[in-house]
C-alpha cells in the first residue's frame, strides 16, 4: 500500500474511526500543531549535546503521541477509543513535567539573555519547540472553547510543557558553551 492514498485530495482527512473532516477542521489544527511540536522536539533532541536533555525530550515525544491520539478522536468516539485500550491524557503526564520543572529549577540556571533565542543551536531549537507548543496550546484551547474538548488535562499538559521547554533552553544555555559572538 502506498503512502499516497489520495484520500485527502478533496481537502478531507480521517480522524480515528474513519470520520472524515476538513483538513482545516479545528480538531485537525489541534493535533496537527501537536505533531509540529513533536517534530520540533525531534530537532531539539537531535541537536542536544546532553543526555539529560535527549532522554527527557524522547519521553515527552512519546507522551505527545498519546496527546495526538486523543485529539484525533471525535468526542463521540472517545468512549470507544478508551475501550479499545488507547491511553488518554491523565494528570500523571503533567506530574512528570512538574517533576522535571522542579529538578531543573533546583539547579543553577541562568536566565540572562532569555528574551533573544539563539545563544546555542540546541537552546534555539528548544525555543522553537516552546513557541510551537504555545501554538498547539492555543489550538487546543480553541477546541475547548467550542465545547469540543472533553479532557481539560490536555491544556494543562501543554501549558506545563511550554514552561518546561523554556527552562530546558535556559538549562542548555547555562550548561553548554556559548555560541560564537556576532561582531
N, C-alpha and C. Protein backbone atom coordinates (compact mmCIF):
# COMPACT_ATOMS: atom_id res chain seq x y z
N UNK A 1 0.85 -1.18 0.00
CA UNK A 1 0.00 0.00 0.00
C UNK A 1 0.89 1.24 0.00
N UNK A 2 0.59 2.19 -0.85
CA UNK A 2 1.37 3.41 -0.98
C UNK A 2 0.99 4.42 0.10
N UNK A 3 1.95 5.23 0.50
CA UNK A 3 1.66 6.33 1.43
C UNK A 3 0.75 7.36 0.76
N UNK A 4 0.79 7.43 -0.56
CA UNK A 4 -0.07 8.35 -1.32
C UNK A 4 -1.41 7.67 -1.58
N UNK A 5 -2.30 7.74 -0.59
CA UNK A 5 -3.61 7.10 -0.69
C UNK A 5 -4.58 7.89 -1.56
N UNK A 6 -4.33 9.16 -1.72
CA UNK A 6 -5.16 10.09 -2.49
C UNK A 6 -6.52 10.36 -1.85
N UNK A 7 -6.71 9.85 -0.61
CA UNK A 7 -8.00 10.07 0.06
C UNK A 7 -8.15 11.50 0.55
N UNK A 8 -7.06 12.26 0.58
CA UNK A 8 -7.13 13.64 1.02
C UNK A 8 -7.15 14.64 -0.11
N UNK A 9 -7.25 14.16 -1.33
CA UNK A 9 -7.18 15.04 -2.49
C UNK A 9 -8.32 16.05 -2.56
N UNK A 10 -9.40 15.82 -1.87
CA UNK A 10 -10.55 16.73 -1.88
C UNK A 10 -10.57 17.64 -0.65
N UNK A 11 -9.45 17.66 0.10
CA UNK A 11 -9.37 18.55 1.26
C UNK A 11 -9.95 17.96 2.53
N UNK A 12 -10.16 16.66 2.54
CA UNK A 12 -10.67 15.98 3.73
C UNK A 12 -9.59 15.05 4.28
N UNK A 13 -9.70 14.77 5.57
CA UNK A 13 -8.78 13.83 6.21
C UNK A 13 -9.57 12.98 7.19
N UNK A 14 -8.95 11.91 7.63
CA UNK A 14 -9.64 11.00 8.54
C UNK A 14 -9.22 11.16 9.98
N UNK A 15 -10.21 11.19 10.86
CA UNK A 15 -9.96 11.10 12.30
C UNK A 15 -9.94 9.61 12.64
N UNK A 16 -9.70 9.31 13.89
CA UNK A 16 -9.82 7.92 14.35
C UNK A 16 -11.23 7.43 14.05
N UNK A 17 -11.35 6.17 13.74
CA UNK A 17 -12.61 5.51 13.46
C UNK A 17 -13.25 6.03 12.17
N UNK A 18 -12.39 6.45 11.26
CA UNK A 18 -12.78 6.77 9.87
C UNK A 18 -13.77 7.92 9.72
N UNK A 19 -13.85 8.81 10.65
CA UNK A 19 -14.68 10.01 10.48
C UNK A 19 -13.91 10.98 9.59
N UNK A 20 -14.53 11.47 8.56
CA UNK A 20 -13.90 12.39 7.62
C UNK A 20 -14.27 13.82 7.97
N UNK A 21 -13.25 14.69 8.01
CA UNK A 21 -13.45 16.11 8.30
C UNK A 21 -12.54 16.92 7.39
N UNK A 22 -12.81 18.21 7.31
CA UNK A 22 -11.97 19.11 6.54
C UNK A 22 -10.56 19.16 7.13
N UNK A 23 -9.58 19.31 6.28
CA UNK A 23 -8.20 19.42 6.75
C UNK A 23 -7.96 20.68 7.57
N UNK A 24 -8.89 21.63 7.51
CA UNK A 24 -8.75 22.83 8.34
C UNK A 24 -9.73 22.81 9.52
N UNK A 25 -10.30 21.65 9.81
CA UNK A 25 -11.17 21.48 10.98
C UNK A 25 -10.36 21.80 12.24
N UNK A 26 -10.95 22.46 13.23
CA UNK A 26 -10.21 22.79 14.45
C UNK A 26 -9.55 21.59 15.14
N UNK A 27 -10.14 20.43 15.05
CA UNK A 27 -9.54 19.24 15.65
C UNK A 27 -8.25 18.87 14.90
N UNK A 28 -8.29 18.96 13.59
CA UNK A 28 -7.10 18.67 12.78
C UNK A 28 -6.02 19.72 13.04
N UNK A 29 -6.44 20.98 13.17
CA UNK A 29 -5.49 22.05 13.52
C UNK A 29 -4.82 21.75 14.86
N UNK A 30 -5.59 21.25 15.82
CA UNK A 30 -5.05 20.99 17.15
C UNK A 30 -4.04 19.84 17.13
N UNK A 31 -4.43 18.68 16.58
CA UNK A 31 -3.47 17.57 16.61
C UNK A 31 -2.35 17.81 15.62
N UNK A 32 -2.60 18.60 14.57
CA UNK A 32 -1.52 18.95 13.65
C UNK A 32 -0.48 19.84 14.31
N UNK A 33 -0.92 20.76 15.15
CA UNK A 33 0.02 21.62 15.87
C UNK A 33 0.84 20.80 16.87
N UNK A 34 0.23 19.80 17.49
CA UNK A 34 0.99 18.92 18.39
C UNK A 34 1.98 18.08 17.59
N UNK A 35 1.61 17.67 16.39
CA UNK A 35 2.53 16.95 15.52
C UNK A 35 3.73 17.84 15.15
N UNK A 36 3.47 19.10 14.84
CA UNK A 36 4.56 20.05 14.58
C UNK A 36 5.47 20.18 15.80
N UNK A 37 4.86 20.23 16.97
CA UNK A 37 5.63 20.28 18.21
C UNK A 37 6.53 19.06 18.34
N UNK A 38 5.98 17.89 18.05
CA UNK A 38 6.76 16.67 18.15
C UNK A 38 7.96 16.71 17.19
N UNK A 39 7.74 17.24 15.99
CA UNK A 39 8.85 17.37 15.04
C UNK A 39 9.88 18.38 15.53
N UNK A 40 9.43 19.49 16.09
CA UNK A 40 10.35 20.50 16.63
C UNK A 40 11.16 19.90 17.78
N UNK A 41 10.52 19.08 18.59
CA UNK A 41 11.24 18.42 19.67
C UNK A 41 12.24 17.41 19.13
N UNK A 42 11.91 16.79 18.01
CA UNK A 42 12.87 15.88 17.37
C UNK A 42 14.14 16.62 16.98
N UNK A 43 14.00 17.81 16.45
CA UNK A 43 15.16 18.63 16.10
C UNK A 43 15.93 19.02 17.36
N UNK A 44 15.21 19.41 18.41
CA UNK A 44 15.87 19.77 19.66
C UNK A 44 16.63 18.57 20.23
N UNK A 45 16.04 17.40 20.14
CA UNK A 45 16.71 16.19 20.64
C UNK A 45 17.94 15.87 19.80
N UNK A 46 17.82 16.02 18.49
CA UNK A 46 18.94 15.71 17.59
C UNK A 46 20.12 16.66 17.79
N UNK A 47 19.86 17.89 18.22
CA UNK A 47 20.94 18.86 18.40
C UNK A 47 21.45 18.92 19.84
N UNK A 48 20.82 18.17 20.73
CA UNK A 48 21.20 18.21 22.14
C UNK A 48 22.56 17.54 22.35
N UNK A 49 23.39 18.18 23.14
CA UNK A 49 24.70 17.63 23.49
C UNK A 49 24.67 16.88 24.81
N UNK A 50 23.59 17.03 25.57
CA UNK A 50 23.49 16.44 26.91
C UNK A 50 22.45 15.33 26.92
N UNK A 51 22.82 14.19 27.47
CA UNK A 51 21.88 13.07 27.56
C UNK A 51 20.66 13.43 28.40
N UNK A 52 20.83 14.29 29.41
CA UNK A 52 19.71 14.73 30.25
C UNK A 52 18.61 15.34 29.38
N UNK A 53 18.99 16.15 28.42
CA UNK A 53 18.03 16.78 27.52
C UNK A 53 17.47 15.75 26.54
N UNK A 54 18.35 14.99 25.90
CA UNK A 54 17.91 14.00 24.90
C UNK A 54 16.92 13.00 25.48
N UNK A 55 17.25 12.43 26.63
CA UNK A 55 16.39 11.39 27.22
C UNK A 55 15.03 11.95 27.62
N UNK A 56 15.02 13.12 28.21
CA UNK A 56 13.74 13.70 28.63
C UNK A 56 12.89 14.12 27.45
N UNK A 57 13.52 14.64 26.41
CA UNK A 57 12.74 15.01 25.22
C UNK A 57 12.12 13.78 24.58
N UNK A 58 12.87 12.69 24.51
CA UNK A 58 12.32 11.47 23.92
C UNK A 58 11.09 10.99 24.69
N UNK A 59 11.16 11.03 26.00
CA UNK A 59 10.00 10.66 26.82
C UNK A 59 8.80 11.56 26.51
N UNK A 60 9.05 12.85 26.40
CA UNK A 60 7.98 13.80 26.09
C UNK A 60 7.40 13.51 24.71
N UNK A 61 8.25 13.22 23.73
CA UNK A 61 7.76 12.91 22.39
C UNK A 61 6.82 11.70 22.41
N UNK A 62 7.18 10.70 23.19
CA UNK A 62 6.31 9.52 23.29
C UNK A 62 4.97 9.89 23.94
N UNK A 63 5.01 10.78 24.93
CA UNK A 63 3.76 11.23 25.56
C UNK A 63 2.92 12.06 24.59
N UNK A 64 3.57 12.79 23.70
CA UNK A 64 2.81 13.59 22.72
C UNK A 64 2.02 12.71 21.76
N UNK A 65 2.47 11.50 21.53
CA UNK A 65 1.70 10.57 20.70
C UNK A 65 0.36 10.28 21.38
N UNK A 66 0.36 10.19 22.70
CA UNK A 66 -0.88 10.00 23.45
C UNK A 66 -1.79 11.22 23.27
N UNK A 67 -1.20 12.41 23.37
CA UNK A 67 -1.97 13.64 23.20
C UNK A 67 -2.58 13.69 21.79
N UNK A 68 -1.76 13.41 20.77
CA UNK A 68 -2.26 13.46 19.39
C UNK A 68 -3.38 12.45 19.16
N UNK A 69 -3.23 11.25 19.70
CA UNK A 69 -4.26 10.23 19.52
C UNK A 69 -5.59 10.65 20.08
N UNK A 70 -5.56 11.22 21.28
CA UNK A 70 -6.81 11.67 21.89
C UNK A 70 -7.41 12.83 21.11
N UNK A 71 -6.57 13.76 20.68
CA UNK A 71 -7.07 14.90 19.90
C UNK A 71 -7.61 14.47 18.53
N UNK A 72 -7.09 13.40 17.98
CA UNK A 72 -7.52 12.93 16.67
C UNK A 72 -8.78 12.07 16.73
N UNK A 73 -9.39 12.03 17.88
CA UNK A 73 -10.61 11.24 18.08
C UNK A 73 -11.76 12.18 18.39
N UNK A 74 -12.83 12.07 17.62
CA UNK A 74 -14.01 12.90 17.86
C UNK A 74 -14.62 12.58 19.22
N UNK A 75 -15.31 13.55 19.80
CA UNK A 75 -15.92 13.36 21.12
C UNK A 75 -16.80 12.12 21.17
N UNK A 76 -17.56 11.90 20.11
CA UNK A 76 -18.49 10.77 20.09
C UNK A 76 -17.77 9.43 20.08
N UNK A 77 -16.48 9.43 19.70
CA UNK A 77 -15.72 8.18 19.62
C UNK A 77 -14.76 7.97 20.80
N UNK A 78 -14.67 8.93 21.71
CA UNK A 78 -13.74 8.79 22.84
C UNK A 78 -14.04 7.58 23.73
N UNK A 79 -15.31 7.26 24.02
CA UNK A 79 -15.54 6.05 24.82
C UNK A 79 -15.00 4.79 24.11
N UNK A 80 -15.20 4.71 22.82
CA UNK A 80 -14.69 3.56 22.05
C UNK A 80 -13.16 3.56 22.06
N UNK A 81 -12.57 4.73 21.92
CA UNK A 81 -11.11 4.88 21.93
C UNK A 81 -10.53 4.32 23.23
N UNK A 82 -11.12 4.72 24.35
CA UNK A 82 -10.66 4.24 25.65
C UNK A 82 -10.92 2.74 25.79
N UNK A 83 -12.09 2.30 25.35
CA UNK A 83 -12.45 0.88 25.44
C UNK A 83 -11.50 0.02 24.60
N UNK A 84 -11.02 0.56 23.49
CA UNK A 84 -10.09 -0.17 22.63
C UNK A 84 -8.67 -0.21 23.20
N UNK A 85 -8.48 0.40 24.38
CA UNK A 85 -7.20 0.30 25.06
C UNK A 85 -6.22 1.42 24.80
N UNK A 86 -6.66 2.45 24.09
CA UNK A 86 -5.77 3.58 23.86
C UNK A 86 -5.66 4.41 25.14
N UNK A 87 -4.47 4.94 25.38
CA UNK A 87 -4.20 5.73 26.57
C UNK A 87 -4.73 7.14 26.39
N UNK A 88 -5.34 7.67 27.44
CA UNK A 88 -5.81 9.05 27.45
C UNK A 88 -4.83 9.90 28.26
N UNK A 89 -4.86 11.19 28.03
CA UNK A 89 -4.02 12.12 28.77
C UNK A 89 -4.56 12.21 30.19
N UNK A 90 -3.68 11.98 31.16
CA UNK A 90 -4.07 11.99 32.57
C UNK A 90 -3.18 12.98 33.32
N UNK A 91 -3.58 13.34 34.53
CA UNK A 91 -2.71 14.20 35.34
C UNK A 91 -1.31 13.62 35.57
N UNK A 92 -1.16 12.30 35.48
CA UNK A 92 0.15 11.68 35.68
C UNK A 92 1.17 12.19 34.65
N UNK A 93 0.72 12.48 33.43
CA UNK A 93 1.64 13.02 32.42
C UNK A 93 2.12 14.41 32.83
N UNK A 94 1.22 15.22 33.35
CA UNK A 94 1.58 16.56 33.79
C UNK A 94 2.48 16.50 35.01
N UNK A 95 2.24 15.56 35.91
CA UNK A 95 3.07 15.39 37.10
C UNK A 95 4.52 15.12 36.71
N UNK A 96 4.73 14.33 35.66
CA UNK A 96 6.10 14.08 35.18
C UNK A 96 6.77 15.38 34.75
N UNK A 97 6.02 16.25 34.08
CA UNK A 97 6.58 17.54 33.66
C UNK A 97 6.88 18.41 34.87
N UNK A 98 5.96 18.42 35.83
CA UNK A 98 6.18 19.20 37.06
C UNK A 98 7.45 18.75 37.77
N UNK A 99 7.70 17.45 37.80
CA UNK A 99 8.90 16.93 38.45
C UNK A 99 10.16 17.42 37.73
N UNK A 100 10.13 17.47 36.41
CA UNK A 100 11.27 17.97 35.65
C UNK A 100 11.48 19.47 35.88
N UNK A 101 10.39 20.22 35.94
CA UNK A 101 10.49 21.65 36.24
C UNK A 101 11.18 21.84 37.59
N UNK A 102 10.73 21.09 38.58
CA UNK A 102 11.33 21.19 39.92
C UNK A 102 12.80 20.81 39.89
N UNK A 103 13.14 19.75 39.16
CA UNK A 103 14.54 19.31 39.07
C UNK A 103 15.42 20.38 38.43
N UNK A 104 14.95 20.98 37.35
CA UNK A 104 15.74 21.99 36.66
C UNK A 104 15.84 23.26 37.50
N UNK A 105 14.74 23.67 38.11
CA UNK A 105 14.76 24.88 38.94
C UNK A 105 15.70 24.74 40.14
N UNK A 106 15.92 23.51 40.60
CA UNK A 106 16.81 23.28 41.74
C UNK A 106 18.28 23.44 41.35
N UNK A 107 18.56 23.44 40.05
CA UNK A 107 19.92 23.61 39.56
C UNK A 107 20.17 25.10 39.31
N UNK A 108 21.44 25.43 39.21
CA UNK A 108 21.77 26.83 38.93
C UNK A 108 21.58 27.07 37.43
N UNK A 109 20.50 27.77 37.10
CA UNK A 109 20.17 28.07 35.71
C UNK A 109 20.15 29.57 35.54
N UNK A 110 20.84 30.03 34.53
CA UNK A 110 20.88 31.47 34.25
C UNK A 110 19.74 31.86 33.32
N UNK A 111 19.12 32.98 33.60
CA UNK A 111 18.05 33.49 32.75
C UNK A 111 18.54 34.66 31.89
N UNK A 112 19.85 34.90 31.90
CA UNK A 112 20.42 36.00 31.12
C UNK A 112 20.18 35.76 29.63
N UNK A 113 19.71 36.77 28.95
CA UNK A 113 19.51 36.70 27.50
C UNK A 113 18.33 35.88 27.04
N UNK A 114 17.44 35.53 27.95
CA UNK A 114 16.33 34.65 27.61
C UNK A 114 15.39 35.21 26.56
N UNK A 115 15.34 36.52 26.43
CA UNK A 115 14.37 37.13 25.52
C UNK A 115 14.83 37.11 24.07
N UNK A 116 16.08 36.73 23.83
CA UNK A 116 16.60 36.66 22.47
C UNK A 116 17.13 35.26 22.22
N UNK A 117 16.29 34.36 21.68
CA UNK A 117 16.74 32.99 21.43
C UNK A 117 17.93 32.94 20.47
N UNK A 118 18.75 31.91 20.65
CA UNK A 118 19.83 31.67 19.71
C UNK A 118 21.21 31.65 20.32
N UNK A 119 21.33 31.62 21.63
CA UNK A 119 22.65 31.56 22.26
C UNK A 119 23.38 30.29 21.85
N UNK A 120 22.64 29.19 21.70
CA UNK A 120 23.22 27.95 21.20
C UNK A 120 22.23 27.33 20.22
N UNK A 121 22.71 26.44 19.40
CA UNK A 121 21.84 25.76 18.43
C UNK A 121 20.73 25.00 19.15
N UNK A 122 21.10 24.29 20.20
CA UNK A 122 20.12 23.48 20.91
C UNK A 122 19.11 24.33 21.67
N UNK A 123 19.57 25.40 22.33
CA UNK A 123 18.60 26.24 23.05
C UNK A 123 17.65 26.93 22.06
N UNK A 124 18.17 27.28 20.88
CA UNK A 124 17.29 27.88 19.86
C UNK A 124 16.24 26.86 19.40
N UNK A 125 16.65 25.61 19.22
CA UNK A 125 15.70 24.56 18.83
C UNK A 125 14.66 24.35 19.92
N UNK A 126 15.08 24.42 21.16
CA UNK A 126 14.13 24.28 22.28
C UNK A 126 13.17 25.46 22.33
N UNK A 127 13.66 26.66 22.01
CA UNK A 127 12.76 27.82 21.99
C UNK A 127 11.77 27.73 20.83
N UNK A 128 12.19 27.18 19.69
CA UNK A 128 11.24 26.94 18.59
C UNK A 128 10.19 25.94 19.05
N UNK A 129 10.62 24.89 19.73
CA UNK A 129 9.67 23.90 20.24
C UNK A 129 8.70 24.55 21.25
N UNK A 130 9.23 25.43 22.09
CA UNK A 130 8.38 26.12 23.08
C UNK A 130 7.30 26.95 22.39
N UNK A 131 7.68 27.71 21.38
CA UNK A 131 6.68 28.56 20.71
C UNK A 131 5.70 27.70 19.91
N UNK A 132 6.17 26.59 19.38
CA UNK A 132 5.28 25.65 18.70
C UNK A 132 4.30 25.03 19.69
N UNK A 133 4.79 24.77 20.89
CA UNK A 133 3.92 24.25 21.95
C UNK A 133 2.84 25.26 22.30
N UNK A 134 3.21 26.53 22.38
CA UNK A 134 2.21 27.57 22.68
C UNK A 134 1.14 27.63 21.59
N UNK A 135 1.54 27.46 20.32
CA UNK A 135 0.55 27.43 19.24
C UNK A 135 -0.37 26.23 19.41
N UNK A 136 0.20 25.08 19.73
CA UNK A 136 -0.62 23.88 19.94
C UNK A 136 -1.61 24.11 21.08
N UNK A 137 -1.12 24.74 22.13
CA UNK A 137 -1.98 25.05 23.27
C UNK A 137 -3.14 25.95 22.85
N UNK A 138 -2.85 26.95 22.01
CA UNK A 138 -3.92 27.85 21.54
C UNK A 138 -4.94 27.08 20.71
N UNK A 139 -4.48 26.17 19.87
CA UNK A 139 -5.41 25.39 19.03
C UNK A 139 -6.29 24.49 19.91
N UNK A 140 -5.69 23.89 20.93
CA UNK A 140 -6.46 23.04 21.83
C UNK A 140 -7.44 23.89 22.64
N UNK A 141 -7.03 25.07 23.05
CA UNK A 141 -7.96 25.98 23.75
C UNK A 141 -9.14 26.35 22.85
N UNK A 142 -8.89 26.47 21.57
CA UNK A 142 -9.98 26.72 20.63
C UNK A 142 -10.99 25.59 20.64
N UNK A 143 -10.51 24.36 20.67
CA UNK A 143 -11.42 23.20 20.79
C UNK A 143 -12.19 23.26 22.11
N UNK A 144 -11.48 23.61 23.16
CA UNK A 144 -12.10 23.70 24.48
C UNK A 144 -13.22 24.74 24.49
N UNK A 145 -12.93 25.92 23.95
CA UNK A 145 -13.93 26.99 23.92
C UNK A 145 -15.14 26.64 23.06
N UNK A 146 -14.92 25.79 22.05
CA UNK A 146 -16.02 25.37 21.18
C UNK A 146 -16.79 24.18 21.75
N UNK A 147 -16.41 23.73 22.95
CA UNK A 147 -17.07 22.59 23.56
C UNK A 147 -16.69 21.27 22.91
N UNK A 148 -15.54 21.24 22.25
CA UNK A 148 -15.10 20.04 21.53
C UNK A 148 -13.92 19.34 22.19
N UNK A 149 -13.65 19.69 23.44
CA UNK A 149 -12.56 19.04 24.17
C UNK A 149 -13.15 18.48 25.46
N UNK A 150 -13.10 17.18 25.58
CA UNK A 150 -13.64 16.54 26.78
C UNK A 150 -12.64 16.57 27.92
N UNK A 151 -11.35 16.53 27.59
CA UNK A 151 -10.30 16.35 28.59
C UNK A 151 -9.48 17.64 28.76
N UNK A 152 -9.79 18.43 29.77
CA UNK A 152 -9.08 19.68 30.01
C UNK A 152 -7.62 19.46 30.41
N UNK A 153 -7.26 18.25 30.79
CA UNK A 153 -5.87 17.96 31.18
C UNK A 153 -4.92 18.19 30.01
N UNK A 154 -5.41 18.10 28.79
CA UNK A 154 -4.55 18.34 27.62
C UNK A 154 -4.04 19.78 27.62
N UNK A 155 -4.91 20.73 27.94
CA UNK A 155 -4.49 22.14 28.01
C UNK A 155 -3.47 22.32 29.13
N UNK A 156 -3.73 21.72 30.27
CA UNK A 156 -2.81 21.83 31.40
C UNK A 156 -1.45 21.24 31.03
N UNK A 157 -1.45 20.09 30.39
CA UNK A 157 -0.21 19.42 29.98
C UNK A 157 0.59 20.32 29.03
N UNK A 158 -0.07 20.86 28.01
CA UNK A 158 0.65 21.70 27.04
C UNK A 158 1.16 22.99 27.68
N UNK A 159 0.39 23.56 28.59
CA UNK A 159 0.84 24.76 29.29
C UNK A 159 2.11 24.47 30.09
N UNK A 160 2.10 23.37 30.81
CA UNK A 160 3.26 23.00 31.61
C UNK A 160 4.44 22.65 30.72
N UNK A 161 4.17 21.99 29.59
CA UNK A 161 5.26 21.62 28.68
C UNK A 161 5.95 22.85 28.13
N UNK A 162 5.20 23.89 27.78
CA UNK A 162 5.84 25.09 27.25
C UNK A 162 6.73 25.73 28.31
N UNK A 163 6.29 25.72 29.56
CA UNK A 163 7.14 26.23 30.65
C UNK A 163 8.42 25.41 30.76
N UNK A 164 8.27 24.10 30.70
CA UNK A 164 9.43 23.21 30.79
C UNK A 164 10.40 23.44 29.65
N UNK A 165 9.89 23.63 28.45
CA UNK A 165 10.78 23.84 27.30
C UNK A 165 11.55 25.14 27.45
N UNK A 166 10.91 26.17 28.01
CA UNK A 166 11.63 27.42 28.27
C UNK A 166 12.77 27.16 29.26
N UNK A 167 12.48 26.40 30.31
CA UNK A 167 13.52 26.08 31.30
C UNK A 167 14.62 25.22 30.68
N UNK A 168 14.26 24.25 29.85
CA UNK A 168 15.28 23.43 29.20
C UNK A 168 16.23 24.29 28.37
N UNK A 169 15.67 25.26 27.64
CA UNK A 169 16.52 26.14 26.82
C UNK A 169 17.48 26.92 27.70
N UNK A 170 17.00 27.41 28.83
CA UNK A 170 17.87 28.15 29.75
C UNK A 170 18.91 27.22 30.38
N UNK A 171 18.52 25.97 30.67
CA UNK A 171 19.44 24.99 31.23
C UNK A 171 20.58 24.74 30.24
N UNK A 172 20.22 24.56 28.97
CA UNK A 172 21.23 24.32 27.93
C UNK A 172 22.18 25.51 27.84
N UNK A 173 21.63 26.71 27.85
CA UNK A 173 22.49 27.90 27.76
C UNK A 173 23.43 28.00 28.96
N UNK A 174 23.00 27.51 30.09
CA UNK A 174 23.83 27.55 31.30
C UNK A 174 24.90 26.45 31.27
N UNK A 175 24.58 25.30 30.69
CA UNK A 175 25.47 24.13 30.75
C UNK A 175 26.22 23.84 29.46
N UNK A 176 26.09 24.67 28.48
CA UNK A 176 26.75 24.46 27.20
C UNK A 176 27.56 25.69 26.84
N UNK A 177 28.70 25.51 26.22
CA UNK A 177 29.48 26.68 25.83
C UNK A 177 28.65 27.62 24.94
N UNK A 178 28.91 28.87 25.10
CA UNK A 178 28.18 29.91 24.36
C UNK A 178 28.50 29.82 22.87
N UNK A 179 27.53 30.16 22.06
CA UNK A 179 27.74 30.22 20.62
C UNK A 179 28.71 31.35 20.30
N UNK A 180 29.37 31.27 19.17
CA UNK A 180 30.29 32.35 18.80
C UNK A 180 29.56 33.70 18.74
N UNK A 181 30.22 34.74 19.19
CA UNK A 181 29.64 36.09 19.18
C UNK A 181 29.60 36.63 17.77
N UNK A 182 28.54 37.36 17.48
CA UNK A 182 28.41 38.03 16.19
C UNK A 182 29.04 39.42 16.32
N UNK A 183 29.94 39.74 15.44
CA UNK A 183 30.63 41.04 15.53
C UNK A 183 29.82 42.13 14.88
